Amino acid sequence: MSIHREGYKYIIITSLVWAILGYLTFHYLVDFMWFTWAINIIFFLLWFWVLWFFRLPARKLTEGANLIIAPADGKVVVIEETTETEYFKDRRLQISIFMSPLNVHVNRNPISGTIKYLQYHPGKYLVAWHPKSSTENERTTLVLGNNKIDILMRQIAGAMARRICYYVKQGDNVTQNNEFGFIRFGSRVDVFLPAGTKVDVKIGDVVQGGVTVLAKY
């Protein structure tokens, strides 16, 4: 397991804060050791959570020219046909993956292809499962396609997620399972497939980015 590059700054900040706080409390609050230890344990847990959040576990990734691989870790909370209004403007099959603050937050390409569309939208920070979060929250919409299929993915910020990162631009050729982005501190990823696509997951399933097969085409 390694640490994702998005986490370096936060790990350094929390480490410095914990070190400074530890020095001050043990130096100036020696008569209140119970309080000193309580504060330091709390900051240790915070430091460990930040380290855990930005983990990048080693995985055997799933590959296949006809496979649509989960772009993110999390729980499948939506599988339904709906009208996609930003790019396709037609009926699509939506699969939504909710990423809790304990999940790995790397976002990966579900297929190989070309980035045909990329648009960042500033917005609100409603909880990620709110029905309006996909249209009102901070989000990035990305369309990835090849000669067989076009897929729309939407990174959606949540109440805790205040920074959506993406590493691709329109026109890029990308490879299945390579990183296209990262969302900090809890979020959601929506995937829009052609209507009628047969999916391999169901609501409530816990999926792993780069590993779990969402559907076949």
C-alpha atoms as a PDB file:
ATOM      1  CA  MET A   1       0.000   0.000   0.000  1.00  0.00           C
ATOM      2  CA  SER A   2       1.182   3.518  -0.772  1.00  0.00           C
ATOM      3  CA  ILE A   3      -0.103   7.059  -0.202  1.00  0.00           C
ATOM      4  CA  HIS A   4      -1.818   8.989  -2.985  1.00  0.00           C
ATOM      5  CA  ARG A   5      -0.098  12.214  -4.043  1.00  0.00           C
ATOM      6  CA  GLU A   6      -3.211  14.233  -3.170  1.00  0.00           C
ATOM      7  CA  GLY A   7      -2.596  13.383   0.478  1.00  0.00           C
ATOM      8  CA  TYR A   8       0.972  14.612   0.940  1.00  0.00           C
ATOM      9  CA  LYS A   9       0.002  18.159   1.894  1.00  0.00           C
ATOM     10  CA  TYR A  10      -2.675  17.071   4.365  1.00  0.00           C
ATOM     11  CA  ILE A  11      -0.425  14.487   6.011  1.00  0.00           C
ATOM     12  CA  ILE A  12       2.340  17.064   6.456  1.00  0.00           C
ATOM     13  CA  ILE A  13      -0.111  19.614   7.892  1.00  0.00           C
ATOM     14  CA  THR A  14      -1.676  17.200  10.373  1.00  0.00           C
ATOM     15  CA  SER A  15       1.748  15.858  11.369  1.00  0.00           C
ATOM     16  CA  LEU A  16       3.063  19.367  12.081  1.00  0.00           C
ATOM     17  CA  VAL A  17      -0.065  20.357  14.009  1.00  0.00           C
ATOM     18  CA  TRP A  18       0.092  17.178  16.089  1.00  0.00           C
ATOM     19  CA  ALA A  19       3.836  17.646  16.779  1.00  0.00           C
ATOM     20  CA  ILE A  20       3.392  21.283  17.837  1.00  0.00           C
ATOM     21  CA  LEU A  21       0.338  20.513  19.931  1.00  0.00           C
ATOM     22  CA  GLY A  22       2.080  17.554  21.542  1.00  0.00           C
ATOM     23  CA  TYR A  23       5.075  19.696  22.494  1.00  0.00           C
ATOM     24  CA  LEU A  24       2.910  22.474  23.922  1.00  0.00           C
ATOM     25  CA  THR A  25       0.611  20.221  25.919  1.00  0.00           C
ATOM     26  CA  PHE A  26       3.363  18.048  27.396  1.00  0.00           C
ATOM     27  CA  HIS A  27       5.469  21.120  28.157  1.00  0.00           C
ATOM     28  CA  TYR A  28       2.850  23.478  29.602  1.00  0.00           C
ATOM     29  CA  LEU A  29       0.095  21.186  30.871  1.00  0.00           C
ATOM     30  CA  VAL A  30       2.127  18.748  32.936  1.00  0.00           C
ATOM     31  CA  ASP A  31      -0.277  19.228  35.831  1.00  0.00           C
ATOM     32  CA  PHE A  32      -3.198  18.102  33.652  1.00  0.00           C
ATOM     33  CA  MET A  33      -1.833  14.923  32.103  1.00  0.00           C
ATOM     34  CA  TRP A  34      -5.265  13.383  31.595  1.00  0.00           C
ATOM     35  CA  PHE A  35      -6.186  16.360  29.384  1.00  0.00           C
ATOM     36  CA  THR A  36      -2.823  16.290  27.603  1.00  0.00           C
ATOM     37  CA  TRP A  37      -3.171  12.607  26.764  1.00  0.00           C
ATOM     38  CA  ALA A  38      -6.793  13.035  25.646  1.00  0.00           C
ATOM     39  CA  ILE A  39      -5.846  15.845  23.243  1.00  0.00           C
ATOM     40  CA  ASN A  40      -2.930  13.876  21.821  1.00  0.00           C
ATOM     41  CA  ILE A  41      -4.981  10.726  21.339  1.00  0.00           C
ATOM     42  CA  ILE A  42      -7.632  12.718  19.469  1.00  0.00           C
ATOM     43  CA  PHE A  43      -5.011  14.235  17.164  1.00  0.00           C
ATOM     44  CA  PHE A  44      -3.378  10.858  16.638  1.00  0.00           C
ATOM     45  CA  LEU A  45      -6.727   9.467  15.495  1.00  0.00           C
ATOM     46  CA  LEU A  46      -7.189  12.449  13.164  1.00  0.00           C
ATOM     47  CA  TRP A  47      -3.680  11.968  11.757  1.00  0.00           C
ATOM     48  CA  PHE A  48      -4.279   8.248  11.242  1.00  0.00           C
ATOM     49  CA  TRP A  49      -7.618   8.903   9.519  1.00  0.00           C
ATOM     50  CA  VAL A  50      -5.984  11.340   7.082  1.00  0.00           C
ATOM     51  CA  LEU A  51      -3.283   8.747   6.358  1.00  0.00           C
ATOM     52  CA  TRP A  52      -5.937   6.054   5.868  1.00  0.00           C
ATOM     53  CA  PHE A  53      -8.098   8.277   3.656  1.00  0.00           C
ATOM     54  CA  PHE A  54      -5.306   8.875   1.143  1.00  0.00           C
ATOM     55  CA  ARG A  55      -4.187   5.246   1.000  1.00  0.00           C
ATOM     56  CA  LEU A  56      -3.581   3.703  -2.399  1.00  0.00           C
ATOM     57  CA  PRO A  57      -3.809  -0.076  -1.939  1.00  0.00           C
ATOM     58  CA  ALA A  58      -2.086  -2.481  -4.285  1.00  0.00           C
ATOM     59  CA  ARG A  59      -4.702  -4.327  -6.340  1.00  0.00           C
ATOM     60  CA  LYS A  60      -4.933  -6.823  -9.136  1.00  0.00           C
ATOM     61  CA  LEU A  61      -6.994  -4.762 -11.581  1.00  0.00           C
ATOM     62  CA  THR A  62      -9.651  -6.279 -13.839  1.00  0.00           C
ATOM     63  CA  GLU A  63      -9.197  -5.747 -17.572  1.00  0.00           C
ATOM     64  CA  GLY A  64     -11.354  -6.531 -20.577  1.00  0.00           C
ATOM     65  CA  ALA A  65     -12.217  -4.879 -23.887  1.00  0.00           C
ATOM     66  CA  ASN A  66     -15.937  -5.527 -23.352  1.00  0.00           C
ATOM     67  CA  LEU A  67     -16.014  -4.804 -19.611  1.00  0.00           C
ATOM     68  CA  ILE A  68     -17.110  -1.618 -17.834  1.00  0.00           C
ATOM     69  CA  ILE A  69     -15.131  -1.528 -14.592  1.00  0.00           C
ATOM     70  CA  ALA A  70     -16.225   0.394 -11.479  1.00  0.00           C
ATOM     71  CA  PRO A  71     -14.561   3.833 -11.520  1.00  0.00           C
ATOM     72  CA  ALA A  72     -14.636   4.178  -7.730  1.00  0.00           C
ATOM     73  CA  ASP A  73     -14.841   2.335  -4.422  1.00  0.00           C
ATOM     74  CA  GLY A  74     -18.100   2.523  -2.537  1.00  0.00           C
ATOM     75  CA  LYS A  75     -21.684   1.333  -2.335  1.00  0.00           C
ATOM     76  CA  VAL A  76     -24.088   1.154  -5.270  1.00  0.00           C
ATOM     77  CA  VAL A  77     -27.029   3.357  -4.281  1.00  0.00           C
ATOM     78  CA  VAL A  78     -28.812   3.935  -7.613  1.00  0.00           C
ATOM     79  CA  ILE A  79     -29.494   1.775 -10.667  1.00  0.00           C
ATOM     80  CA  GLU A  80     -32.217   3.304 -12.815  1.00  0.00           C
ATOM     81  CA  GLU A  81     -33.059   4.643 -16.249  1.00  0.00           C
ATOM     82  CA  THR A  82     -33.190   8.415 -16.319  1.00  0.00           C
ATOM     83  CA  THR A  83     -32.829  11.337 -18.707  1.00  0.00           C
ATOM     84  CA  GLU A  84     -29.264  12.648 -18.914  1.00  0.00           C
ATOM     85  CA  THR A  85     -29.615  16.374 -19.660  1.00  0.00           C
ATOM     86  CA  GLU A  86     -26.070  17.722 -19.969  1.00  0.00           C
ATOM     87  CA  TYR A  87     -24.473  15.820 -22.857  1.00  0.00           C
ATOM     88  CA  PHE A  88     -26.504  12.939 -24.293  1.00  0.00           C
ATOM     89  CA  LYS A  89     -29.912  14.526 -23.672  1.00  0.00           C
ATOM     90  CA  ASP A  90     -31.643  11.154 -23.896  1.00  0.00           C
ATOM     91  CA  ARG A  91     -32.505   8.160 -21.743  1.00  0.00           C
ATOM     92  CA  ARG A  92     -29.544   6.493 -20.048  1.00  0.00           C
ATOM     93  CA  LEU A  93     -28.964   3.854 -17.395  1.00  0.00           C
ATOM     94  CA  GLN A  94     -27.563   5.543 -14.296  1.00  0.00           C
ATOM     95  CA  ILE A  95     -25.418   3.712 -11.744  1.00  0.00           C
ATOM     96  CA  SER A  96     -24.413   5.762  -8.700  1.00  0.00           C
ATOM     97  CA  ILE A  97     -21.612   4.815  -6.299  1.00  0.00           C
ATOM     98  CA  PHE A  98     -21.552   6.504  -2.898  1.00  0.00           C
ATOM     99  CA  MET A  99     -18.051   6.944  -1.486  1.00  0.00           C
ATOM    100  CA  SER A 100     -17.920   7.287   2.300  1.00  0.00           C
ATOM    101  CA  PRO A 101     -15.000   9.035   4.046  1.00  0.00           C
ATOM    102  CA  LEU A 102     -13.570   5.555   4.733  1.00  0.00           C
ATOM    103  CA  ASN A 103     -13.398   4.465   1.091  1.00  0.00           C
ATOM    104  CA  VAL A 104     -10.441   4.739  -1.259  1.00  0.00           C
ATOM    105  CA  HIS A 105     -11.159   7.902  -3.256  1.00  0.00           C
ATOM    106  CA  VAL A 106      -9.193   7.312  -6.453  1.00  0.00           C
ATOM    107  CA  ASN A 107     -11.329   7.509  -9.626  1.00  0.00           C
ATOM    108  CA  ARG A 108     -10.368   5.208 -12.512  1.00  0.00           C
ATOM    109  CA  ASN A 109     -11.301   4.932 -16.196  1.00  0.00           C
ATOM    110  CA  PRO A 110     -13.952   2.200 -16.592  1.00  0.00           C
ATOM    111  CA  ILE A 111     -12.967   1.606 -20.239  1.00  0.00           C
ATOM    112  CA  SER A 112     -10.209   2.601 -22.638  1.00  0.00           C
ATOM    113  CA  GLY A 113     -11.011   5.368 -25.093  1.00  0.00           C
ATOM    114  CA  THR A 114     -10.955   9.099 -25.714  1.00  0.00           C
ATOM    115  CA  ILE A 115     -12.136  11.917 -23.459  1.00  0.00           C
ATOM    116  CA  LYS A 116     -14.853  13.442 -25.647  1.00  0.00           C
ATOM    117  CA  TYR A 117     -16.212  15.975 -23.157  1.00  0.00           C
ATOM    118  CA  LEU A 118     -15.039  17.469 -19.874  1.00  0.00           C
ATOM    119  CA  GLN A 119     -16.773  20.202 -17.892  1.00  0.00           C
ATOM    120  CA  TYR A 120     -16.280  21.411 -14.334  1.00  0.00           C
ATOM    121  CA  HIS A 121     -19.314  22.910 -12.552  1.00  0.00           C
ATOM    122  CA  PRO A 122     -18.965  24.895  -9.314  1.00  0.00           C
ATOM    123  CA  GLY A 123     -21.896  24.421  -6.970  1.00  0.00           C
ATOM    124  CA  LYS A 124     -23.289  23.563  -3.559  1.00  0.00           C
ATOM    125  CA  TYR A 125     -22.227  20.900  -1.065  1.00  0.00           C
ATOM    126  CA  LEU A 126     -25.419  18.993  -0.342  1.00  0.00           C
ATOM    127  CA  VAL A 127     -24.986  15.520   1.129  1.00  0.00           C
ATOM    128  CA  ALA A 128     -23.942  13.175  -1.673  1.00  0.00           C
ATOM    129  CA  TRP A 129     -27.138  11.079  -1.503  1.00  0.00           C
ATOM    130  CA  HIS A 130     -29.409  14.123  -1.857  1.00  0.00           C
ATOM    131  CA  PRO A 131     -31.538  13.848  -5.067  1.00  0.00           C
ATOM    132  CA  LYS A 132     -30.389  17.305  -6.233  1.00  0.00           C
ATOM    133  CA  SER A 133     -26.685  16.758  -5.557  1.00  0.00           C
ATOM    134  CA  SER A 134     -26.046  15.546  -9.125  1.00  0.00           C
ATOM    135  CA  THR A 135     -27.321  18.824 -10.579  1.00  0.00           C
ATOM    136  CA  GLU A 136     -26.596  21.404  -7.863  1.00  0.00           C
ATOM    137  CA  ASN A 137     -23.365  20.303  -6.170  1.00  0.00           C
ATOM    138  CA  GLU A 138     -19.814  20.990  -7.262  1.00  0.00           C
ATOM    139  CA  ARG A 139     -19.186  18.379  -9.944  1.00  0.00           C
ATOM    140  CA  THR A 140     -17.185  17.394 -12.993  1.00  0.00           C
ATOM    141  CA  THR A 141     -18.800  15.736 -16.005  1.00  0.00           C
ATOM    142  CA  LEU A 142     -16.630  13.571 -18.236  1.00  0.00           C
ATOM    143  CA  VAL A 143     -17.567  11.575 -21.329  1.00  0.00           C
ATOM    144  CA  LEU A 144     -15.279   8.700 -22.260  1.00  0.00           C
ATOM    145  CA  GLY A 145     -15.857   6.757 -25.450  1.00  0.00           C
ATOM    146  CA  ASN A 146     -14.448   4.361 -28.016  1.00  0.00           C
ATOM    147  CA  ASN A 147     -15.739   2.841 -31.245  1.00  0.00           C
ATOM    148  CA  LYS A 148     -18.261   0.713 -29.325  1.00  0.00           C
ATOM    149  CA  ILE A 149     -19.623   2.772 -26.443  1.00  0.00           C
ATOM    150  CA  ASP A 150     -19.774   6.226 -24.865  1.00  0.00           C
ATOM    151  CA  ILE A 151     -19.944   6.527 -21.075  1.00  0.00           C
ATOM    152  CA  LEU A 152     -20.652   9.647 -19.036  1.00  0.00           C
ATOM    153  CA  MET A 153     -19.176   9.889 -15.558  1.00  0.00           C
ATOM    154  CA  ARG A 154     -19.930  12.593 -13.025  1.00  0.00           C
ATOM    155  CA  GLN A 155     -17.756  13.259  -9.969  1.00  0.00           C
ATOM    156  CA  ILE A 156     -20.002  14.857  -7.354  1.00  0.00           C
ATOM    157  CA  ALA A 157     -18.781  16.629  -4.239  1.00  0.00           C
ATOM    158  CA  GLY A 158     -20.605  15.924  -0.982  1.00  0.00           C
ATOM    159  CA  ALA A 159     -21.062  17.732   2.315  1.00  0.00           C
ATOM    160  CA  MET A 160     -17.470  16.924   3.312  1.00  0.00           C
ATOM    161  CA  ALA A 161     -15.903  16.832  -0.158  1.00  0.00           C
ATOM    162  CA  ARG A 162     -14.787  20.326  -1.128  1.00  0.00           C
ATOM    163  CA  ARG A 163     -12.284  19.552  -3.836  1.00  0.00           C
ATOM    164  CA  ILE A 164     -12.743  17.542  -7.010  1.00  0.00           C
ATOM    165  CA  CYS A 165      -9.491  16.706  -8.793  1.00  0.00           C
ATOM    166  CA  TYR A 166      -9.204  15.466 -12.374  1.00  0.00           C
ATOM    167  CA  TYR A 167      -6.079  14.615 -14.321  1.00  0.00           C
ATOM    168  CA  VAL A 168      -7.364  14.449 -17.893  1.00  0.00           C
ATOM    169  CA  LYS A 169      -8.488  16.924 -20.524  1.00  0.00           C
ATOM    170  CA  GLN A 170     -10.762  16.762 -23.540  1.00  0.00           C
ATOM    171  CA  GLY A 171      -9.121  14.894 -26.404  1.00  0.00           C
ATOM    172  CA  ASP A 172      -6.896  12.698 -24.226  1.00  0.00           C
ATOM    173  CA  ASN A 173      -6.627   9.007 -25.045  1.00  0.00           C
ATOM    174  CA  VAL A 174      -6.851   7.041 -21.796  1.00  0.00           C
ATOM    175  CA  THR A 175      -6.408   3.452 -20.694  1.00  0.00           C
ATOM    176  CA  GLN A 176      -8.847   1.350 -18.688  1.00  0.00           C
ATOM    177  CA  ASN A 177      -8.178   1.510 -14.920  1.00  0.00           C
ATOM    178  CA  ASN A 178      -5.724   4.414 -15.076  1.00  0.00           C
ATOM    179  CA  GLU A 179      -6.579   7.303 -12.744  1.00  0.00           C
ATOM    180  CA  PHE A 180      -8.680  10.125 -14.101  1.00  0.00           C
ATOM    181  CA  GLY A 181      -9.359  11.894 -10.810  1.00  0.00           C
ATOM    182  CA  PHE A 182      -9.739  12.006  -7.045  1.00  0.00           C
ATOM    183  CA  ILE A 183     -12.368  13.479  -4.692  1.00  0.00           C
ATOM    184  CA  ARG A 184     -11.383  14.524  -1.212  1.00  0.00           C
ATOM    185  CA  PHE A 185     -13.369  13.516   1.898  1.00  0.00           C
ATOM    186  CA  GLY A 186     -16.557  11.748   0.800  1.00  0.00           C
ATOM    187  CA  SER A 187     -18.491  11.985  -2.433  1.00  0.00           C
ATOM    188  CA  ARG A 188     -20.353  10.198  -5.198  1.00  0.00           C
ATOM    189  CA  VAL A 189     -19.687   9.063  -8.758  1.00  0.00           C
ATOM    190  CA  ASP A 190     -22.527   8.676 -11.265  1.00  0.00           C
ATOM    191  CA  VAL A 191     -22.042   6.529 -14.364  1.00  0.00           C
ATOM    192  CA  PHE A 192     -24.415   6.833 -17.319  1.00  0.00           C
ATOM    193  CA  LEU A 193     -24.536   3.867 -19.717  1.00  0.00           C
ATOM    194  CA  PRO A 194     -26.663   3.247 -22.811  1.00  0.00           C
ATOM    195  CA  ALA A 195     -30.241   2.403 -21.876  1.00  0.00           C
ATOM    196  CA  GLY A 196     -30.793  -1.331 -21.672  1.00  0.00           C
ATOM    197  CA  THR A 197     -27.213  -2.175 -20.725  1.00  0.00           C
ATOM    198  CA  LYS A 198     -27.112  -5.370 -18.671  1.00  0.00           C
ATOM    199  CA  VAL A 199     -25.426  -4.625 -15.358  1.00  0.00           C
ATOM    200  CA  ASP A 200     -23.488  -7.040 -13.174  1.00  0.00           C
ATOM    201  CA  VAL A 201     -24.177  -5.297  -9.849  1.00  0.00           C
ATOM    202  CA  LYS A 202     -27.252  -4.535  -7.770  1.00  0.00           C
ATOM    203  CA  ILE A 203     -28.241  -1.813  -5.321  1.00  0.00           C
ATOM    204  CA  GLY A 204     -26.417  -2.285  -2.034  1.00  0.00           C
ATOM    205  CA  ASP A 205     -23.354  -3.972  -3.553  1.00  0.00           C
ATOM    206  CA  VAL A 206     -19.967  -2.731  -2.354  1.00  0.00           C
ATOM    207  CA  VAL A 207     -17.649  -2.248  -5.327  1.00  0.00           C
ATOM    208  CA  GLN A 208     -13.938  -1.620  -5.773  1.00  0.00           C
ATOM    209  CA  GLY A 209     -12.579   0.802  -8.338  1.00  0.00           C
ATOM    210  CA  GLY A 210     -10.571  -0.962 -11.014  1.00  0.00           C
ATOM    211  CA  VAL A 211     -11.714  -4.379  -9.819  1.00  0.00           C
ATOM    212  CA  THR A 212     -15.510  -4.813  -9.852  1.00  0.00           C
ATOM    213  CA  VAL A 213     -17.262  -5.274 -13.203  1.00  0.00           C
ATOM    214  CA  LEU A 214     -20.259  -2.924 -13.416  1.00  0.00           C
ATOM    215  CA  ALA A 215     -21.528  -4.090 -16.799  1.00  0.00           C
ATOM    216  CA  LYS A 216     -20.574  -5.599 -20.165  1.00  0.00           C
ATOM    217  CA  TYR A 217     -21.008  -4.233 -23.682  1.00  0.00           C
END
